[in-house]
Amino acid sequence: AAHASQRQYRVRAREVFKFATYVSVPIFMTVVFAANPENLEAIIKQFKYVVYPPEGPKPPSAKEMRVIVEANRKKKLDSTGERPRGTWLGSAK
């Protein structure tokens, strides 16, 4: 009986050690690497999985779009010589 309880104690001690390691290692690694912003940035730059293309030109603002639409209407009027019919989608009234 004494031999069995000693074995249970060893098994339990080993399980407690494994659990403590399982919990403490990620916490320790987080503190070491994520607490220092330079370390974290270096790690992120080293393992770049997604590389985004450079940003393109910004789309025109609403005011600029109105100017562009008016310029296109004037060009259309000048080239055809008649007033455009219908709505801006081109359907007849």
N, C-alpha and C. Protein backbone atom coordinates (compact mmCIF):
# COMPACT_ATOMS: atom_id res chain seq x y z
N ALA A 1 0.83 -1.20 0.00
CA ALA A 1 0.00 0.00 0.00
C ALA A 1 0.87 1.26 0.00
N ALA A 2 1.96 1.21 0.75
CA ALA A 2 2.86 2.36 0.80
C ALA A 2 3.54 2.59 -0.54
N HIS A 3 3.84 1.50 -1.25
CA HIS A 3 4.49 1.59 -2.56
C HIS A 3 3.54 2.23 -3.58
N ALA A 4 2.27 1.90 -3.54
CA ALA A 4 1.28 2.43 -4.46
C ALA A 4 1.05 3.92 -4.22
N SER A 5 1.00 4.34 -2.97
CA SER A 5 0.78 5.77 -2.70
C SER A 5 1.99 6.60 -3.12
N GLN A 6 3.19 6.03 -3.00
CA GLN A 6 4.40 6.75 -3.43
C GLN A 6 4.38 6.91 -4.96
N ARG A 7 3.90 5.90 -5.66
CA ARG A 7 3.81 5.97 -7.12
C ARG A 7 2.77 7.00 -7.54
N GLN A 8 1.63 7.03 -6.85
CA GLN A 8 0.61 8.04 -7.14
C GLN A 8 1.15 9.44 -6.91
N TYR A 9 1.95 9.60 -5.85
CA TYR A 9 2.55 10.90 -5.55
C TYR A 9 3.46 11.33 -6.70
N ARG A 10 4.27 10.42 -7.24
CA ARG A 10 5.17 10.74 -8.36
C ARG A 10 4.39 11.12 -9.61
N VAL A 11 3.35 10.33 -9.88
CA VAL A 11 2.53 10.61 -11.06
C VAL A 11 1.87 11.98 -10.93
N ARG A 12 1.31 12.25 -9.76
CA ARG A 12 0.66 13.54 -9.52
C ARG A 12 1.68 14.68 -9.61
N ALA A 13 2.86 14.50 -9.04
CA ALA A 13 3.90 15.53 -9.08
C ALA A 13 4.31 15.81 -10.53
N ARG A 14 4.44 14.75 -11.33
CA ARG A 14 4.82 14.93 -12.73
C ARG A 14 3.72 15.67 -13.49
N GLU A 15 2.46 15.35 -13.23
CA GLU A 15 1.34 16.03 -13.89
C GLU A 15 1.28 17.50 -13.49
N VAL A 16 1.54 17.81 -12.23
CA VAL A 16 1.57 19.20 -11.77
C VAL A 16 2.70 19.94 -12.47
N PHE A 17 3.86 19.31 -12.59
CA PHE A 17 5.00 19.93 -13.27
C PHE A 17 4.67 20.19 -14.75
N LYS A 18 4.07 19.21 -15.42
CA LYS A 18 3.72 19.37 -16.83
C LYS A 18 2.70 20.50 -17.01
N PHE A 19 1.71 20.55 -16.14
CA PHE A 19 0.71 21.61 -16.24
C PHE A 19 1.34 22.98 -15.99
N ALA A 20 2.20 23.07 -14.99
CA ALA A 20 2.87 24.34 -14.68
C ALA A 20 3.72 24.79 -15.86
N THR A 21 4.40 23.85 -16.50
CA THR A 21 5.21 24.18 -17.68
C THR A 21 4.31 24.63 -18.82
N TYR A 22 3.22 23.91 -19.03
CA TYR A 22 2.27 24.22 -20.10
C TYR A 22 1.71 25.63 -19.95
N VAL A 23 1.48 26.05 -18.73
CA VAL A 23 0.91 27.38 -18.48
C VAL A 23 2.00 28.46 -18.46
N SER A 24 3.13 28.17 -17.86
CA SER A 24 4.14 29.22 -17.64
C SER A 24 4.97 29.53 -18.88
N VAL A 25 5.25 28.57 -19.75
CA VAL A 25 6.10 28.84 -20.92
C VAL A 25 5.46 29.88 -21.84
N PRO A 26 4.19 29.76 -22.23
CA PRO A 26 3.61 30.81 -23.09
C PRO A 26 3.58 32.18 -22.42
N ILE A 27 3.31 32.20 -21.12
CA ILE A 27 3.31 33.48 -20.40
C ILE A 27 4.70 34.09 -20.42
N PHE A 28 5.71 33.29 -20.15
CA PHE A 28 7.09 33.76 -20.15
C PHE A 28 7.48 34.27 -21.54
N MET A 29 7.14 33.52 -22.58
CA MET A 29 7.50 33.94 -23.95
C MET A 29 6.78 35.23 -24.33
N THR A 30 5.55 35.39 -23.90
CA THR A 30 4.82 36.62 -24.17
C THR A 30 5.47 37.80 -23.50
N VAL A 31 5.86 37.63 -22.26
CA VAL A 31 6.51 38.72 -21.53
C VAL A 31 7.83 39.08 -22.18
N VAL A 32 8.62 38.08 -22.55
CA VAL A 32 9.95 38.33 -23.12
C VAL A 32 9.84 39.01 -24.48
N PHE A 33 8.96 38.51 -25.35
CA PHE A 33 8.94 39.02 -26.72
C PHE A 33 7.93 40.15 -26.96
N ALA A 34 6.77 40.08 -26.35
CA ALA A 34 5.73 41.07 -26.65
C ALA A 34 5.82 42.31 -25.77
N ALA A 35 6.49 42.22 -24.64
CA ALA A 35 6.58 43.38 -23.76
C ALA A 35 7.51 44.45 -24.33
N ASN A 36 8.46 44.04 -25.16
CA ASN A 36 9.39 44.98 -25.77
C ASN A 36 8.92 45.24 -27.21
N PRO A 37 8.46 46.44 -27.52
CA PRO A 37 7.92 46.72 -28.86
C PRO A 37 8.92 46.48 -29.99
N GLU A 38 10.21 46.73 -29.73
CA GLU A 38 11.20 46.52 -30.79
C GLU A 38 11.30 45.03 -31.13
N ASN A 39 11.29 44.18 -30.10
CA ASN A 39 11.33 42.73 -30.34
C ASN A 39 10.12 42.30 -31.14
N LEU A 40 8.96 42.75 -30.73
CA LEU A 40 7.73 42.36 -31.40
C LEU A 40 7.73 42.80 -32.85
N GLU A 41 8.15 44.01 -33.11
CA GLU A 41 8.19 44.51 -34.49
C GLU A 41 9.19 43.72 -35.33
N ALA A 42 10.35 43.40 -34.76
CA ALA A 42 11.35 42.61 -35.49
C ALA A 42 10.81 41.23 -35.84
N ILE A 43 10.10 40.62 -34.92
CA ILE A 43 9.53 39.29 -35.18
C ILE A 43 8.47 39.37 -36.27
N ILE A 44 7.63 40.39 -36.20
CA ILE A 44 6.57 40.54 -37.21
C ILE A 44 7.18 40.78 -38.59
N LYS A 45 8.21 41.61 -38.67
CA LYS A 45 8.85 41.89 -39.96
C LYS A 45 9.56 40.66 -40.50
N GLN A 46 10.10 39.85 -39.61
CA GLN A 46 10.83 38.65 -40.04
C GLN A 46 9.87 37.61 -40.64
N PHE A 47 8.67 37.52 -40.14
CA PHE A 47 7.72 36.51 -40.59
C PHE A 47 6.54 37.15 -41.31
N LYS A 48 6.81 37.97 -42.30
CA LYS A 48 5.73 38.60 -43.06
C LYS A 48 5.13 37.56 -43.99
N TYR A 49 3.89 37.18 -43.72
CA TYR A 49 3.23 36.20 -44.56
C TYR A 49 2.42 36.89 -45.65
N VAL A 50 1.85 38.04 -45.35
CA VAL A 50 1.04 38.76 -46.31
C VAL A 50 1.79 40.02 -46.71
N VAL A 51 2.05 40.16 -48.00
CA VAL A 51 2.71 41.35 -48.52
C VAL A 51 1.67 42.10 -49.35
N TYR A 52 1.29 43.26 -48.86
CA TYR A 52 0.27 44.05 -49.54
C TYR A 52 0.91 44.89 -50.64
N PRO A 53 0.20 45.08 -51.75
CA PRO A 53 0.75 45.94 -52.81
C PRO A 53 0.75 47.39 -52.34
N PRO A 54 1.56 48.22 -52.98
CA PRO A 54 1.57 49.64 -52.59
C PRO A 54 0.20 50.27 -52.84
N GLU A 55 -0.09 51.28 -52.05
CA GLU A 55 -1.40 51.95 -52.15
C GLU A 55 -1.47 52.75 -53.44
N GLY A 56 -2.59 52.63 -54.11
CA GLY A 56 -2.80 53.35 -55.37
C GLY A 56 -3.32 54.75 -55.11
N PRO A 57 -3.62 55.45 -56.18
CA PRO A 57 -4.15 56.81 -56.01
C PRO A 57 -5.53 56.78 -55.36
N LYS A 58 -5.84 57.80 -54.60
CA LYS A 58 -7.13 57.87 -53.92
C LYS A 58 -8.22 58.22 -54.94
N PRO A 59 -9.43 57.69 -54.77
CA PRO A 59 -10.52 58.03 -55.69
C PRO A 59 -10.92 59.49 -55.52
N PRO A 60 -11.51 60.07 -56.55
CA PRO A 60 -11.90 61.48 -56.43
C PRO A 60 -13.00 61.68 -55.40
N SER A 61 -13.02 62.87 -54.81
CA SER A 61 -14.06 63.20 -53.82
C SER A 61 -15.37 63.44 -54.56
N ALA A 62 -16.45 63.61 -53.80
CA ALA A 62 -17.76 63.84 -54.40
C ALA A 62 -17.76 65.13 -55.23
N LYS A 63 -17.09 66.14 -54.71
CA LYS A 63 -17.03 67.42 -55.42
C LYS A 63 -16.26 67.26 -56.75
N GLU A 64 -15.15 66.54 -56.69
CA GLU A 64 -14.36 66.31 -57.90
C GLU A 64 -15.14 65.45 -58.91
N MET A 65 -15.93 64.48 -58.41
CA MET A 65 -16.73 63.64 -59.30
C MET A 65 -17.77 64.48 -60.03
N ARG A 66 -18.39 65.43 -59.32
CA ARG A 66 -19.38 66.30 -59.97
C ARG A 66 -18.73 67.10 -61.10
N VAL A 67 -17.53 67.60 -60.84
CA VAL A 67 -16.81 68.36 -61.87
C VAL A 67 -16.52 67.47 -63.07
N ILE A 68 -16.09 66.23 -62.83
CA ILE A 68 -15.78 65.30 -63.91
C ILE A 68 -17.04 64.98 -64.72
N VAL A 69 -18.16 64.74 -64.03
CA VAL A 69 -19.41 64.41 -64.71
C VAL A 69 -19.86 65.59 -65.56
N GLU A 70 -19.79 66.79 -65.00
CA GLU A 70 -20.18 67.99 -65.77
C GLU A 70 -19.29 68.16 -67.00
N ALA A 71 -17.99 67.92 -66.85
CA ALA A 71 -17.07 68.04 -67.98
C ALA A 71 -17.42 67.02 -69.05
N ASN A 72 -17.76 65.80 -68.64
CA ASN A 72 -18.14 64.77 -69.61
C ASN A 72 -19.45 65.13 -70.32
N ARG A 73 -20.39 65.71 -69.57
CA ARG A 73 -21.66 66.15 -70.20
C ARG A 73 -21.40 67.23 -71.24
N LYS A 74 -20.53 68.19 -70.90
CA LYS A 74 -20.22 69.26 -71.84
C LYS A 74 -19.55 68.72 -73.09
N LYS A 75 -18.65 67.75 -72.91
CA LYS A 75 -17.98 67.14 -74.06
C LYS A 75 -19.01 66.45 -74.95
N LYS A 76 -19.95 65.74 -74.32
CA LYS A 76 -20.98 65.03 -75.08
C LYS A 76 -21.86 66.01 -75.83
N LEU A 77 -22.22 67.13 -75.18
CA LEU A 77 -23.03 68.17 -75.84
C LEU A 77 -22.28 68.76 -77.02
N ASP A 78 -21.01 69.04 -76.83
CA ASP A 78 -20.22 69.65 -77.89
C ASP A 78 -20.06 68.71 -79.08
N SER A 79 -19.92 67.41 -78.82
CA SER A 79 -19.67 66.48 -79.92
C SER A 79 -20.95 66.14 -80.67
N THR A 80 -22.11 66.10 -79.99
CA THR A 80 -23.35 65.73 -80.68
C THR A 80 -24.16 66.94 -81.10
N GLY A 81 -24.04 68.04 -80.38
CA GLY A 81 -24.78 69.24 -80.72
C GLY A 81 -26.21 69.23 -80.20
N GLU A 82 -26.63 68.19 -79.53
CA GLU A 82 -27.99 68.15 -78.99
C GLU A 82 -27.94 67.91 -77.49
N ARG A 83 -29.07 68.21 -76.83
CA ARG A 83 -29.14 68.01 -75.38
C ARG A 83 -29.32 66.53 -75.09
N PRO A 84 -28.67 66.01 -74.03
CA PRO A 84 -28.87 64.60 -73.67
C PRO A 84 -30.28 64.38 -73.17
N ARG A 85 -30.90 63.26 -73.57
CA ARG A 85 -32.26 62.94 -73.16
C ARG A 85 -32.21 61.94 -72.01
N GLY A 86 -33.30 61.95 -71.23
CA GLY A 86 -33.45 60.96 -70.17
C GLY A 86 -32.67 61.31 -68.91
N THR A 87 -32.56 60.31 -68.07
CA THR A 87 -31.86 60.50 -66.80
C THR A 87 -30.38 60.28 -67.01
N TRP A 88 -29.66 60.39 -65.95
CA TRP A 88 -28.20 60.20 -66.05
C TRP A 88 -27.85 58.75 -66.37
N LEU A 89 -28.81 57.80 -66.21
CA LEU A 89 -28.56 56.42 -66.57
C LEU A 89 -28.79 56.18 -68.06
N GLY A 90 -29.36 57.15 -68.72
CA GLY A 90 -29.52 57.05 -70.16
C GLY A 90 -30.89 56.56 -70.60
N SER A 91 -31.82 56.31 -69.68
CA SER A 91 -33.15 55.84 -70.09
C SER A 91 -34.02 57.03 -70.46
N ALA A 92 -34.92 56.83 -71.39
CA ALA A 92 -35.78 57.93 -71.85
C ALA A 92 -36.89 58.20 -70.84
N LYS A 93 -37.36 59.47 -70.82
CA LYS A 93 -38.45 59.86 -69.91
C LYS A 93 -39.78 59.61 -70.54
